[in-house]
Amino acid sequence: MKFSPFHPIHLVLGLVIWAAWFVFLYGGLSVGCAIAPPASEEQAGTWINGAIVAIALLVGGYLLWCAYRCMHASSDPKLQKDDRLKVFISKTAAAVYLVSAFASLALAVPGLVLPPCV
C-alpha cells in the first residue's frame, strides 16, 4: 500500500483485490483441474486445495494489514479537527478492507472440505 491511508483509492481497492482474487481462484482452479487433476480418492487433501488455502491466507492477511493501517491512521493524534474527511475515508476504507478480507477467506472454505475437480 503505497498511497497514504487517507487517499480515496482505498475506498475501492479492497474490493478490487477481492475481485481479482475471485477471478484468479476460479480461473486457476479450472486450469489446474484441466492440466493436472488430482486423484478423485484424495477428497479435499489435494495440492490444488492446499494452494487455494495458502494463497487465500496471503490475500486475506494483506487485506487485514491494510485495514489495520487505515484504522490506525484514523486515530492519529496529529490529525486536526478539520481533518474529518481524512478520518471518514480511512475508517470507511478499513471497513471495506475488513469485508474484503472476510470474503477472500470465505472463498477458500470450500477448499477445506470439498474435492476440487468434481
PDB file of N, CA and C in Angstrom:
ATOM      1  N   MET A   1       0.858  -1.158   0.000  1.00  0.00           N
ATOM      2  CA  MET A   1       0.000   0.000   0.000  1.00  0.00           C
ATOM      3  C   MET A   1       0.908   1.225   0.000  1.00  0.00           C
ATOM      4  N   LYS A   2       1.099   1.802  -1.159  1.00  0.00           N
ATOM      5  CA  LYS A   2       1.982   2.952  -1.313  1.00  0.00           C
ATOM      6  C   LYS A   2       1.268   4.275  -1.053  1.00  0.00           C
ATOM      7  N   PHE A   3      -0.026   4.296  -1.235  1.00  0.00           N
ATOM      8  CA  PHE A   3      -0.775   5.532  -1.049  1.00  0.00           C
ATOM      9  C   PHE A   3      -0.925   5.843   0.437  1.00  0.00           C
ATOM     10  N   SER A   4      -1.161   7.099   0.720  1.00  0.00           N
ATOM     11  CA  SER A   4      -1.471   7.499   2.084  1.00  0.00           C
ATOM     12  C   SER A   4      -2.755   6.794   2.523  1.00  0.00           C
ATOM     13  N   PRO A   5      -2.881   6.447   3.805  1.00  0.00           N
ATOM     14  CA  PRO A   5      -4.118   5.799   4.266  1.00  0.00           C
ATOM     15  C   PRO A   5      -5.355   6.682   4.112  1.00  0.00           C
ATOM     16  N   PHE A   6      -5.139   7.947   3.799  1.00  0.00           N
ATOM     17  CA  PHE A   6      -6.259   8.870   3.624  1.00  0.00           C
ATOM     18  C   PHE A   6      -6.632   9.060   2.167  1.00  0.00           C
ATOM     19  N   HIS A   7      -5.958   8.361   1.262  1.00  0.00           N
ATOM     20  CA  HIS A   7      -6.237   8.507  -0.169  1.00  0.00           C
ATOM     21  C   HIS A   7      -7.562   7.812  -0.502  1.00  0.00           C
ATOM     22  N   PRO A   8      -8.409   8.438  -1.314  1.00  0.00           N
ATOM     23  CA  PRO A   8      -9.721   7.856  -1.632  1.00  0.00           C
ATOM     24  C   PRO A   8      -9.662   6.528  -2.395  1.00  0.00           C
ATOM     25  N   ILE A   9      -8.531   6.181  -2.970  1.00  0.00           N
ATOM     26  CA  ILE A   9      -8.449   4.913  -3.699  1.00  0.00           C
ATOM     27  C   ILE A   9      -8.696   3.718  -2.774  1.00  0.00           C
ATOM     28  N   HIS A  10      -8.431   3.899  -1.499  1.00  0.00           N
ATOM     29  CA  HIS A  10      -8.639   2.810  -0.545  1.00  0.00           C
ATOM     30  C   HIS A  10     -10.116   2.459  -0.364  1.00  0.00           C
ATOM     31  N   LEU A  11     -10.989   3.353  -0.772  1.00  0.00           N
ATOM     32  CA  LEU A  11     -12.417   3.059  -0.661  1.00  0.00           C
ATOM     33  C   LEU A  11     -12.854   1.940  -1.602  1.00  0.00           C
ATOM     34  N   VAL A  12     -12.097   1.700  -2.669  1.00  0.00           N
ATOM     35  CA  VAL A  12     -12.442   0.641  -3.623  1.00  0.00           C
ATOM     36  C   VAL A  12     -11.363  -0.419  -3.776  1.00  0.00           C
ATOM     37  N   LEU A  13     -10.153  -0.150  -3.303  1.00  0.00           N
ATOM     38  CA  LEU A  13      -9.033  -1.054  -3.541  1.00  0.00           C
ATOM     39  C   LEU A  13      -9.251  -2.436  -2.910  1.00  0.00           C
ATOM     40  N   GLY A  14      -9.850  -2.497  -1.749  1.00  0.00           N
ATOM     41  CA  GLY A  14     -10.120  -3.792  -1.123  1.00  0.00           C
ATOM     42  C   GLY A  14     -11.042  -4.646  -1.978  1.00  0.00           C
ATOM     43  N   LEU A  15     -12.062  -4.033  -2.542  1.00  0.00           N
ATOM     44  CA  LEU A  15     -12.989  -4.786  -3.385  1.00  0.00           C
ATOM     45  C   LEU A  15     -12.346  -5.181  -4.709  1.00  0.00           C
ATOM     46  N   VAL A  16     -11.447  -4.356  -5.220  1.00  0.00           N
ATOM     47  CA  VAL A  16     -10.729  -4.706  -6.448  1.00  0.00           C
ATOM     48  C   VAL A  16      -9.821  -5.909  -6.193  1.00  0.00           C
ATOM     49  N   ILE A  17      -9.129  -5.913  -5.066  1.00  0.00           N
ATOM     50  CA  ILE A  17      -8.268  -7.046  -4.715  1.00  0.00           C
ATOM     51  C   ILE A  17      -9.110  -8.302  -4.539  1.00  0.00           C
ATOM     52  N   TRP A  18     -10.243  -8.181  -3.877  1.00  0.00           N
ATOM     53  CA  TRP A  18     -11.128  -9.340  -3.695  1.00  0.00           C
ATOM     54  C   TRP A  18     -11.605  -9.863  -5.054  1.00  0.00           C
ATOM     55  N   ALA A  19     -11.999  -8.976  -5.952  1.00  0.00           N
ATOM     56  CA  ALA A  19     -12.491  -9.400  -7.267  1.00  0.00           C
ATOM     57  C   ALA A  19     -11.384 -10.084  -8.065  1.00  0.00           C
ATOM     58  N   ALA A  20     -10.179  -9.551  -7.999  1.00  0.00           N
ATOM     59  CA  ALA A  20      -9.055 -10.191  -8.696  1.00  0.00           C
ATOM     60  C   ALA A  20      -8.770 -11.571  -8.107  1.00  0.00           C
ATOM     61  N   TRP A  21      -8.854 -11.703  -6.796  1.00  0.00           N
ATOM     62  CA  TRP A  21      -8.669 -12.997  -6.143  1.00  0.00           C
ATOM     63  C   TRP A  21      -9.768 -13.973  -6.569  1.00  0.00           C
ATOM     64  N   PHE A  22     -10.982 -13.505  -6.663  1.00  0.00           N
ATOM     65  CA  PHE A  22     -12.105 -14.342  -7.080  1.00  0.00           C
ATOM     66  C   PHE A  22     -11.868 -14.899  -8.488  1.00  0.00           C
ATOM     67  N   VAL A  23     -11.471 -14.026  -9.414  1.00  0.00           N
ATOM     68  CA  VAL A  23     -11.221 -14.447 -10.792  1.00  0.00           C
ATOM     69  C   VAL A  23     -10.029 -15.392 -10.842  1.00  0.00           C
ATOM     70  N   PHE A  24      -8.949 -15.069 -10.136  1.00  0.00           N
ATOM     71  CA  PHE A  24      -7.761 -15.913 -10.111  1.00  0.00           C
ATOM     72  C   PHE A  24      -8.075 -17.280  -9.506  1.00  0.00           C
ATOM     73  N   LEU A  25      -8.855 -17.305  -8.451  1.00  0.00           N
ATOM     74  CA  LEU A  25      -9.189 -18.565  -7.780  1.00  0.00           C
ATOM     75  C   LEU A  25      -9.933 -19.510  -8.715  1.00  0.00           C
ATOM     76  N   TYR A  26     -11.024 -19.067  -9.283  1.00  0.00           N
ATOM     77  CA  TYR A  26     -11.824 -19.963 -10.111  1.00  0.00           C
ATOM     78  C   TYR A  26     -11.206 -20.202 -11.484  1.00  0.00           C
ATOM     79  N   GLY A  27     -10.500 -19.239 -12.016  1.00  0.00           N
ATOM     80  CA  GLY A  27      -9.767 -19.465 -13.257  1.00  0.00           C
ATOM     81  C   GLY A  27      -8.623 -20.435 -13.058  1.00  0.00           C
ATOM     82  N   GLY A  28      -7.870 -20.250 -11.973  1.00  0.00           N
ATOM     83  CA  GLY A  28      -6.772 -21.157 -11.661  1.00  0.00           C
ATOM     84  C   GLY A  28      -7.251 -22.550 -11.326  1.00  0.00           C
ATOM     85  N   LEU A  29      -8.382 -22.647 -10.657  1.00  0.00           N
ATOM     86  CA  LEU A  29      -8.963 -23.952 -10.335  1.00  0.00           C
ATOM     87  C   LEU A  29      -9.335 -24.698 -11.614  1.00  0.00           C
ATOM     88  N   SER A  30      -9.921 -24.003 -12.556  1.00  0.00           N
ATOM     89  CA  SER A  30     -10.291 -24.633 -13.825  1.00  0.00           C
ATOM     90  C   SER A  30      -9.063 -25.085 -14.605  1.00  0.00           C
ATOM     91  N   VAL A  31      -8.047 -24.237 -14.648  1.00  0.00           N
ATOM     92  CA  VAL A  31      -6.820 -24.590 -15.359  1.00  0.00           C
ATOM     93  C   VAL A  31      -6.112 -25.748 -14.663  1.00  0.00           C
ATOM     94  N   GLY A  32      -6.039 -25.693 -13.341  1.00  0.00           N
ATOM     95  CA  GLY A  32      -5.391 -26.762 -12.590  1.00  0.00           C
ATOM     96  C   GLY A  32      -6.082 -28.099 -12.761  1.00  0.00           C
ATOM     97  N   CYS A  33      -7.396 -28.091 -12.794  1.00  0.00           N
ATOM     98  CA  CYS A  33      -8.146 -29.334 -12.981  1.00  0.00           C
ATOM     99  C   CYS A  33      -8.022 -29.851 -14.418  1.00  0.00           C
ATOM    100  N   ALA A  34      -7.832 -28.965 -15.380  1.00  0.00           N
ATOM    101  CA  ALA A  34      -7.686 -29.391 -16.767  1.00  0.00           C
ATOM    102  C   ALA A  34      -6.284 -29.928 -17.053  1.00  0.00           C
ATOM    103  N   ILE A  35      -5.267 -29.312 -16.449  1.00  0.00           N
ATOM    104  CA  ILE A  35      -3.885 -29.709 -16.731  1.00  0.00           C
ATOM    105  C   ILE A  35      -3.440 -30.907 -15.895  1.00  0.00           C
ATOM    106  N   ALA A  36      -3.628 -30.831 -14.594  1.00  0.00           N
ATOM    107  CA  ALA A  36      -3.134 -31.895 -13.702  1.00  0.00           C
ATOM    108  C   ALA A  36      -4.164 -32.196 -12.626  1.00  0.00           C
ATOM    109  N   PRO A  37      -5.256 -32.855 -12.992  1.00  0.00           N
ATOM    110  CA  PRO A  37      -6.273 -33.139 -11.983  1.00  0.00           C
ATOM    111  C   PRO A  37      -5.763 -34.144 -10.942  1.00  0.00           C
ATOM    112  N   PRO A  38      -6.038 -33.881  -9.670  1.00  0.00           N
ATOM    113  CA  PRO A  38      -5.622 -34.826  -8.642  1.00  0.00           C
ATOM    114  C   PRO A  38      -6.513 -36.072  -8.667  1.00  0.00           C
ATOM    115  N   ALA A  39      -6.041 -37.121  -8.031  1.00  0.00           N
ATOM    116  CA  ALA A  39      -6.834 -38.352  -7.957  1.00  0.00           C
ATOM    117  C   ALA A  39      -8.128 -38.076  -7.196  1.00  0.00           C
ATOM    118  N   SER A  40      -9.208 -38.685  -7.656  1.00  0.00           N
ATOM    119  CA  SER A  40     -10.514 -38.400  -7.061  1.00  0.00           C
ATOM    120  C   SER A  40     -10.647 -38.960  -5.652  1.00  0.00           C
ATOM    121  N   GLU A  41      -9.859 -39.953  -5.272  1.00  0.00           N
ATOM    122  CA  GLU A  41      -9.980 -40.512  -3.928  1.00  0.00           C
ATOM    123  C   GLU A  41      -9.256 -39.675  -2.871  1.00  0.00           C
ATOM    124  N   GLU A  42      -8.560 -38.641  -3.257  1.00  0.00           N
ATOM    125  CA  GLU A  42      -7.873 -37.779  -2.297  1.00  0.00           C
ATOM    126  C   GLU A  42      -8.829 -36.855  -1.550  1.00  0.00           C
ATOM    127  N   GLN A  43     -10.017 -36.677  -2.024  1.00  0.00           N
ATOM    128  CA  GLN A  43     -11.021 -35.777  -1.437  1.00  0.00           C
ATOM    129  C   GLN A  43     -10.472 -34.347  -1.352  1.00  0.00           C
ATOM    130  N   ALA A  44     -10.472 -33.749  -0.165  1.00  0.00           N
ATOM    131  CA  ALA A  44     -10.076 -32.344  -0.059  1.00  0.00           C
ATOM    132  C   ALA A  44      -8.572 -32.159   0.130  1.00  0.00           C
ATOM    133  N   GLY A  45      -7.841 -33.211   0.387  1.00  0.00           N
ATOM    134  CA  GLY A  45      -6.410 -33.092   0.639  1.00  0.00           C
ATOM    135  C   GLY A  45      -5.576 -33.128  -0.617  1.00  0.00           C
ATOM    136  N   THR A  46      -5.792 -32.200  -1.519  1.00  0.00           N
ATOM    137  CA  THR A  46      -5.064 -32.175  -2.786  1.00  0.00           C
ATOM    138  C   THR A  46      -4.145 -30.962  -2.841  1.00  0.00           C
ATOM    139  N   TRP A  47      -3.247 -30.976  -3.809  1.00  0.00           N
ATOM    140  CA  TRP A  47      -2.332 -29.858  -3.969  1.00  0.00           C
ATOM    141  C   TRP A  47      -3.072 -28.598  -4.402  1.00  0.00           C
ATOM    142  N   ILE A  48      -4.148 -28.773  -5.149  1.00  0.00           N
ATOM    143  CA  ILE A  48      -4.925 -27.607  -5.596  1.00  0.00           C
ATOM    144  C   ILE A  48      -5.579 -26.924  -4.392  1.00  0.00           C
ATOM    145  N   ASN A  49      -6.200 -27.709  -3.532  1.00  0.00           N
ATOM    146  CA  ASN A  49      -6.836 -27.122  -2.348  1.00  0.00           C
ATOM    147  C   ASN A  49      -5.803 -26.511  -1.409  1.00  0.00           C
ATOM    148  N   GLY A  50      -4.649 -27.134  -1.289  1.00  0.00           N
ATOM    149  CA  GLY A  50      -3.589 -26.563  -0.460  1.00  0.00           C
ATOM    150  C   GLY A  50      -3.131 -25.208  -0.981  1.00  0.00           C
ATOM    151  N   ALA A  51      -2.984 -25.113  -2.301  1.00  0.00           N
ATOM    152  CA  ALA A  51      -2.586 -23.840  -2.902  1.00  0.00           C
ATOM    153  C   ALA A  51      -3.670 -22.781  -2.709  1.00  0.00           C
ATOM    154  N   ILE A  52      -4.920 -23.182  -2.857  1.00  0.00           N
ATOM    155  CA  ILE A  52      -6.034 -22.241  -2.669  1.00  0.00           C
ATOM    156  C   ILE A  52      -6.033 -21.678  -1.254  1.00  0.00           C
ATOM    157  N   VAL A  53      -5.906 -22.550  -0.278  1.00  0.00           N
ATOM    158  CA  VAL A  53      -5.936 -22.104   1.122  1.00  0.00           C
ATOM    159  C   VAL A  53      -4.719 -21.236   1.430  1.00  0.00           C
ATOM    160  N   ALA A  54      -3.539 -21.618   0.941  1.00  0.00           N
ATOM    161  CA  ALA A  54      -2.331 -20.832   1.209  1.00  0.00           C
ATOM    162  C   ALA A  54      -2.423 -19.434   0.607  1.00  0.00           C
ATOM    163  N   ILE A  55      -2.868 -19.346  -0.639  1.00  0.00           N
ATOM    164  CA  ILE A  55      -2.971 -18.040  -1.284  1.00  0.00           C
ATOM    165  C   ILE A  55      -4.084 -17.212  -0.634  1.00  0.00           C
ATOM    166  N   ALA A  56      -5.160 -17.870  -0.220  1.00  0.00           N
ATOM    167  CA  ALA A  56      -6.242 -17.144   0.467  1.00  0.00           C
ATOM    168  C   ALA A  56      -5.747 -16.544   1.775  1.00  0.00           C
ATOM    169  N   LEU A  57      -4.894 -17.275   2.482  1.00  0.00           N
ATOM    170  CA  LEU A  57      -4.337 -16.729   3.720  1.00  0.00           C
ATOM    171  C   LEU A  57      -3.442 -15.526   3.444  1.00  0.00           C
ATOM    172  N   LEU A  58      -2.692 -15.571   2.350  1.00  0.00           N
ATOM    173  CA  LEU A  58      -1.857 -14.423   1.981  1.00  0.00           C
ATOM    174  C   LEU A  58      -2.702 -13.210   1.607  1.00  0.00           C
ATOM    175  N   VAL A  59      -3.703 -13.427   0.764  1.00  0.00           N
ATOM    176  CA  VAL A  59      -4.573 -12.322   0.331  1.00  0.00           C
ATOM    177  C   VAL A  59      -5.352 -11.760   1.524  1.00  0.00           C
ATOM    178  N   GLY A  60      -5.940 -12.646   2.321  1.00  0.00           N
ATOM    179  CA  GLY A  60      -6.684 -12.195   3.492  1.00  0.00           C
ATOM    180  C   GLY A  60      -5.799 -11.480   4.496  1.00  0.00           C
ATOM    181  N   GLY A  61      -4.587 -11.982   4.694  1.00  0.00           N
ATOM    182  CA  GLY A  61      -3.649 -11.315   5.601  1.00  0.00           C
ATOM    183  C   GLY A  61      -3.261  -9.933   5.117  1.00  0.00           C
ATOM    184  N   TYR A  62      -3.036  -9.800   3.815  1.00  0.00           N
ATOM    185  CA  TYR A  62      -2.708  -8.487   3.262  1.00  0.00           C
ATOM    186  C   TYR A  62      -3.871  -7.509   3.448  1.00  0.00           C
ATOM    187  N   LEU A  63      -5.081  -7.973   3.183  1.00  0.00           N
ATOM    188  CA  LEU A  63      -6.245  -7.101   3.346  1.00  0.00           C
ATOM    189  C   LEU A  63      -6.447  -6.718   4.812  1.00  0.00           C
ATOM    190  N   LEU A  64      -6.191  -7.641   5.723  1.00  0.00           N
ATOM    191  CA  LEU A  64      -6.290  -7.314   7.153  1.00  0.00           C
ATOM    192  C   LEU A  64      -5.218  -6.301   7.555  1.00  0.00           C
ATOM    193  N   TRP A  65      -4.023  -6.435   6.996  1.00  0.00           N
ATOM    194  CA  TRP A  65      -2.968  -5.474   7.288  1.00  0.00           C
ATOM    195  C   TRP A  65      -3.357  -4.086   6.774  1.00  0.00           C
ATOM    196  N   CYS A  66      -3.933  -4.025   5.581  1.00  0.00           N
ATOM    197  CA  CYS A  66      -4.392  -2.748   5.029  1.00  0.00           C
ATOM    198  C   CYS A  66      -5.485  -2.135   5.911  1.00  0.00           C
ATOM    199  N   ALA A  67      -6.394  -2.974   6.393  1.00  0.00           N
ATOM    200  CA  ALA A  67      -7.450  -2.484   7.284  1.00  0.00           C
ATOM    201  C   ALA A  67      -6.851  -1.935   8.568  1.00  0.00           C
ATOM    202  N   TYR A  68      -5.883  -2.645   9.117  1.00  0.00           N
ATOM    203  CA  TYR A  68      -5.232  -2.175  10.342  1.00  0.00           C
ATOM    204  C   TYR A  68      -4.540  -0.839  10.100  1.00  0.00           C
ATOM    205  N   ARG A  69      -3.848  -0.719   8.984  1.00  0.00           N
ATOM    206  CA  ARG A  69      -3.127   0.515   8.688  1.00  0.00           C
ATOM    207  C   ARG A  69      -4.079   1.702   8.538  1.00  0.00           C
ATOM    208  N   CYS A  70      -5.188   1.481   7.855  1.00  0.00           N
ATOM    209  CA  CYS A  70      -6.160   2.573   7.688  1.00  0.00           C
ATOM    210  C   CYS A  70      -6.809   2.950   9.017  1.00  0.00           C
ATOM    211  N   MET A  71      -7.157   1.951   9.818  1.00  0.00           N
ATOM    212  CA  MET A  71      -7.799   2.242  11.104  1.00  0.00           C
ATOM    213  C   MET A  71      -6.817   2.922  12.055  1.00  0.00           C
ATOM    214  N   HIS A  72      -5.579   2.471  12.035  1.00  0.00           N
ATOM    215  CA  HIS A  72      -4.565   3.075  12.893  1.00  0.00           C
ATOM    216  C   HIS A  72      -4.302   4.526  12.486  1.00  0.00           C
ATOM    217  N   ALA A  73      -4.314   4.815  11.196  1.00  0.00           N
ATOM    218  CA  ALA A  73      -4.073   6.182  10.728  1.00  0.00           C
ATOM    219  C   ALA A  73      -5.201   7.124  11.135  1.00  0.00           C
ATOM    220  N   SER A  74      -6.420   6.599  11.219  1.00  0.00           N
ATOM    221  CA  SER A  74      -7.549   7.476  11.568  1.00  0.00           C
ATOM    222  C   SER A  74      -7.526   7.899  13.029  1.00  0.00           C
ATOM    223  N   SER A  75      -6.784   7.186  13.857  1.00  0.00           N
ATOM    224  CA  SER A  75      -6.724   7.554  15.270  1.00  0.00           C
ATOM    225  C   SER A  75      -5.434   8.289  15.613  1.00  0.00           C
ATOM    226  N   ASP A  76      -4.763   8.827  14.611  1.00  0.00           N
ATOM    227  CA  ASP A  76      -3.522   9.562  14.822  1.00  0.00           C
ATOM    228  C   ASP A  76      -3.820  10.863  15.565  1.00  0.00           C
ATOM    229  N   PRO A  77      -3.140  11.114  16.682  1.00  0.00           N
ATOM    230  CA  PRO A  77      -3.415  12.349  17.426  1.00  0.00           C
ATOM    231  C   PRO A  77      -2.963  13.613  16.697  1.00  0.00           C
ATOM    232  N   LYS A  78      -2.174  13.475  15.647  1.00  0.00           N
ATOM    233  CA  LYS A  78      -1.708  14.647  14.894  1.00  0.00           C
ATOM    234  C   LYS A  78      -2.784  15.209  13.978  1.00  0.00           C
ATOM    235  N   LEU A  79      -3.867  14.475  13.778  1.00  0.00           N
ATOM    236  CA  LEU A  79      -4.932  14.972  12.913  1.00  0.00           C
ATOM    237  C   LEU A  79      -5.628  16.153  13.570  1.00  0.00           C
ATOM    238  N   GLN A  80      -5.939  17.125  12.759  1.00  0.00           N
ATOM    239  CA  GLN A  80      -6.618  18.319  13.252  1.00  0.00           C
ATOM    240  C   GLN A  80      -8.122  18.094  13.265  1.00  0.00           C
ATOM    241  N   LYS A  81      -8.830  18.990  13.889  1.00  0.00           N
ATOM    242  CA  LYS A  81     -10.279  18.873  13.963  1.00  0.00           C
ATOM    243  C   LYS A  81     -10.928  19.004  12.581  1.00  0.00           C
ATOM    244  N   ASP A  82     -10.299  19.743  11.678  1.00  0.00           N
ATOM    245  CA  ASP A  82     -10.870  19.926  10.343  1.00  0.00           C
ATOM    246  C   ASP A  82     -10.471  18.801   9.379  1.00  0.00           C
ATOM    247  N   ASP A  83      -9.870  17.740   9.872  1.00  0.00           N
ATOM    248  CA  ASP A  83      -9.499  16.600   9.042  1.00  0.00           C
ATOM    249  C   ASP A  83     -10.543  15.485   9.104  1.00  0.00           C
ATOM    250  N   ARG A  84     -11.793  15.872   9.252  1.00  0.00           N
ATOM    251  CA  ARG A  84     -12.858  14.865   9.366  1.00  0.00           C
ATOM    252  C   ARG A  84     -12.995  14.032   8.105  1.00  0.00           C
ATOM    253  N   LEU A  85     -12.725  14.609   6.940  1.00  0.00           N
ATOM    254  CA  LEU A  85     -12.809  13.854   5.692  1.00  0.00           C
ATOM    255  C   LEU A  85     -11.745  12.755   5.649  1.00  0.00           C
ATOM    256  N   LYS A  86     -10.543  13.084   6.121  1.00  0.00           N
ATOM    257  CA  LYS A  86      -9.485  12.070   6.171  1.00  0.00           C
ATOM    258  C   LYS A  86      -9.874  10.923   7.098  1.00  0.00           C
ATOM    259  N   VAL A  87     -10.430  11.243   8.236  1.00  0.00           N
ATOM    260  CA  VAL A  87     -10.847  10.219   9.191  1.00  0.00           C
ATOM    261  C   VAL A  87     -11.966   9.373   8.589  1.00  0.00           C
ATOM    262  N   PHE A  88     -12.917  10.004   7.934  1.00  0.00           N
ATOM    263  CA  PHE A  88     -14.005   9.262   7.295  1.00  0.00           C
ATOM    264  C   PHE A  88     -13.475   8.303   6.239  1.00  0.00           C
ATOM    265  N   ILE A  89     -12.586   8.805   5.385  1.00  0.00           N
ATOM    266  CA  ILE A  89     -12.043   7.961   4.320  1.00  0.00           C
ATOM    267  C   ILE A  89     -11.285   6.785   4.901  1.00  0.00           C
ATOM    268  N   SER A  90     -10.440   7.027   5.883  1.00  0.00           N
ATOM    269  CA  SER A  90      -9.627   5.929   6.411  1.00  0.00           C
ATOM    270  C   SER A  90     -10.467   4.921   7.189  1.00  0.00           C
ATOM    271  N   LYS A  91     -11.472   5.359   7.937  1.00  0.00           N
ATOM    272  CA  LYS A  91     -12.325   4.406   8.667  1.00  0.00           C
ATOM    273  C   LYS A  91     -13.217   3.616   7.714  1.00  0.00           C
ATOM    274  N   THR A  92     -13.743   4.273   6.702  1.00  0.00           N
ATOM    275  CA  THR A  92     -14.555   3.563   5.717  1.00  0.00           C
ATOM    276  C   THR A  92     -13.709   2.577   4.924  1.00  0.00           C
ATOM    277  N   ALA A  93     -12.505   2.991   4.555  1.00  0.00           N
ATOM    278  CA  ALA A  93     -11.604   2.091   3.841  1.00  0.00           C
ATOM    279  C   ALA A  93     -11.240   0.894   4.708  1.00  0.00           C
ATOM    280  N   ALA A  94     -11.040   1.110   5.996  1.00  0.00           N
ATOM    281  CA  ALA A  94     -10.737  -0.005   6.902  1.00  0.00           C
ATOM    282  C   ALA A  94     -11.895  -0.995   6.933  1.00  0.00           C
ATOM    283  N   ALA A  95     -13.116  -0.487   6.955  1.00  0.00           N
ATOM    284  CA  ALA A  95     -14.278  -1.374   6.942  1.00  0.00           C
ATOM    285  C   ALA A  95     -14.375  -2.144   5.629  1.00  0.00           C
ATOM    286  N   VAL A  96     -14.095  -1.479   4.518  1.00  0.00           N
ATOM    287  CA  VAL A  96     -14.125  -2.152   3.219  1.00  0.00           C
ATOM    288  C   VAL A  96     -13.040  -3.224   3.155  1.00  0.00           C
ATOM    289  N   TYR A  97     -11.862  -2.916   3.663  1.00  0.00           N
ATOM    290  CA  TYR A  97     -10.787  -3.913   3.698  1.00  0.00           C
ATOM    291  C   TYR A  97     -11.169  -5.106   4.572  1.00  0.00           C
ATOM    292  N   LEU A  98     -11.820  -4.855   5.696  1.00  0.00           N
ATOM    293  CA  LEU A  98     -12.243  -5.965   6.563  1.00  0.00           C
ATOM    294  C   LEU A  98     -13.265  -6.860   5.870  1.00  0.00           C
ATOM    295  N   VAL A  99     -14.234  -6.262   5.212  1.00  0.00           N
ATOM    296  CA  VAL A  99     -15.234  -7.046   4.484  1.00  0.00           C
ATOM    297  C   VAL A  99     -14.567  -7.827   3.353  1.00  0.00           C
ATOM    298  N   SER A 100     -13.639  -7.200   2.657  1.00  0.00           N
ATOM    299  CA  SER A 100     -12.935  -7.872   1.570  1.00  0.00           C
ATOM    300  C   SER A 100     -12.078  -9.021   2.096  1.00  0.00           C
ATOM    301  N   ALA A 101     -11.446  -8.834   3.237  1.00  0.00           N
ATOM    302  CA  ALA A 101     -10.645  -9.911   3.838  1.00  0.00           C
ATOM    303  C   ALA A 101     -11.529 -11.083   4.226  1.00  0.00           C
ATOM    304  N   PHE A 102     -12.670 -10.792   4.829  1.00  0.00           N
ATOM    305  CA  PHE A 102     -13.603 -11.859   5.202  1.00  0.00           C
ATOM    306  C   PHE A 102     -14.090 -12.602   3.963  1.00  0.00           C
ATOM    307  N   ALA A 103     -14.439 -11.870   2.917  1.00  0.00           N
ATOM    308  CA  ALA A 103     -14.921 -12.504   1.690  1.00  0.00           C
ATOM    309  C   ALA A 103     -13.817 -13.317   1.015  1.00  0.00           C
ATOM    310  N   SER A 104     -12.595 -12.824   1.048  1.00  0.00           N
ATOM    311  CA  SER A 104     -11.474 -13.558   0.444  1.00  0.00           C
ATOM    312  C   SER A 104     -11.204 -14.861   1.188  1.00  0.00           C
ATOM    313  N   LEU A 105     -11.257 -14.803   2.499  1.00  0.00           N
ATOM    314  CA  LEU A 105     -11.047 -16.019   3.286  1.00  0.00           C
ATOM    315  C   LEU A 105     -12.223 -16.977   3.149  1.00  0.00           C
ATOM    316  N   ALA A 106     -13.427 -16.441   3.009  1.00  0.00           N
ATOM    317  CA  ALA A 106     -14.608 -17.292   2.848  1.00  0.00           C
ATOM    318  C   ALA A 106     -14.576 -18.049   1.524  1.00  0.00           C
ATOM    319  N   LEU A 107     -13.923 -17.488   0.513  1.00  0.00           N
ATOM    320  CA  LEU A 107     -13.807 -18.191  -0.766  1.00  0.00           C
ATOM    321  C   LEU A 107     -12.989 -19.467  -0.643  1.00  0.00           C
ATOM    322  N   ALA A 108     -12.114 -19.537   0.343  1.00  0.00           N
ATOM    323  CA  ALA A 108     -11.247 -20.706   0.492  1.00  0.00           C
ATOM    324  C   ALA A 108     -11.868 -21.793   1.353  1.00  0.00           C
ATOM    325  N   VAL A 109     -12.962 -21.510   2.022  1.00  0.00           N
ATOM    326  CA  VAL A 109     -13.586 -22.512   2.907  1.00  0.00           C
ATOM    327  C   VAL A 109     -13.981 -23.780   2.148  1.00  0.00           C
ATOM    328  N   PRO A 110     -14.555 -23.709   0.958  1.00  0.00           N
ATOM    329  CA  PRO A 110     -14.843 -24.956   0.244  1.00  0.00           C
ATOM    330  C   PRO A 110     -13.590 -25.780  -0.048  1.00  0.00           C
ATOM    331  N   GLY A 111     -12.444 -25.122  -0.157  1.00  0.00           N
ATOM    332  CA  GLY A 111     -11.199 -25.839  -0.380  1.00  0.00           C
ATOM    333  C   GLY A 111     -10.769 -26.685   0.806  1.00  0.00           C
ATOM    334  N   LEU A 112     -11.347 -26.412   1.965  1.00  0.00           N
ATOM    335  CA  LEU A 112     -11.016 -27.197   3.149  1.00  0.00           C
ATOM    336  C   LEU A 112     -11.814 -28.494   3.222  1.00  0.00           C
ATOM    337  N   VAL A 113     -12.972 -28.546   2.570  1.00  0.00           N
ATOM    338  CA  VAL A 113     -13.848 -29.709   2.740  1.00  0.00           C
ATOM    339  C   VAL A 113     -14.264 -30.409   1.447  1.00  0.00           C
ATOM    340  N   LEU A 114     -14.162 -29.740   0.314  1.00  0.00           N
ATOM    341  CA  LEU A 114     -14.634 -30.327  -0.940  1.00  0.00           C
ATOM    342  C   LEU A 114     -13.482 -30.686  -1.861  1.00  0.00           C
ATOM    343  N   PRO A 115     -13.632 -31.773  -2.625  1.00  0.00           N
ATOM    344  CA  PRO A 115     -12.619 -32.072  -3.632  1.00  0.00           C
ATOM    345  C   PRO A 115     -12.686 -31.031  -4.750  1.00  0.00           C
ATOM    346  N   PRO A 116     -11.522 -30.637  -5.314  1.00  0.00           N
ATOM    347  CA  PRO A 116     -11.519 -29.519  -6.251  1.00  0.00           C
ATOM    348  C   PRO A 116     -12.093 -29.819  -7.630  1.00  0.00           C
ATOM    349  N   CYS A 117     -11.876 -30.985  -8.150  1.00  0.00           N
ATOM    350  CA  CYS A 117     -12.240 -31.276  -9.538  1.00  0.00           C
ATOM    351  C   CYS A 117     -13.382 -32.287  -9.573  1.00  0.00           C
ATOM    352  N   VAL A 118     -14.582 -31.824  -9.378  1.00  0.00           N
ATOM    353  CA  VAL A 118     -15.735 -32.716  -9.378  1.00  0.00           C
ATOM    354  C   VAL A 118     -16.504 -32.551 -10.667  1.00  0.00           C
TER     355      VAL A 118
END
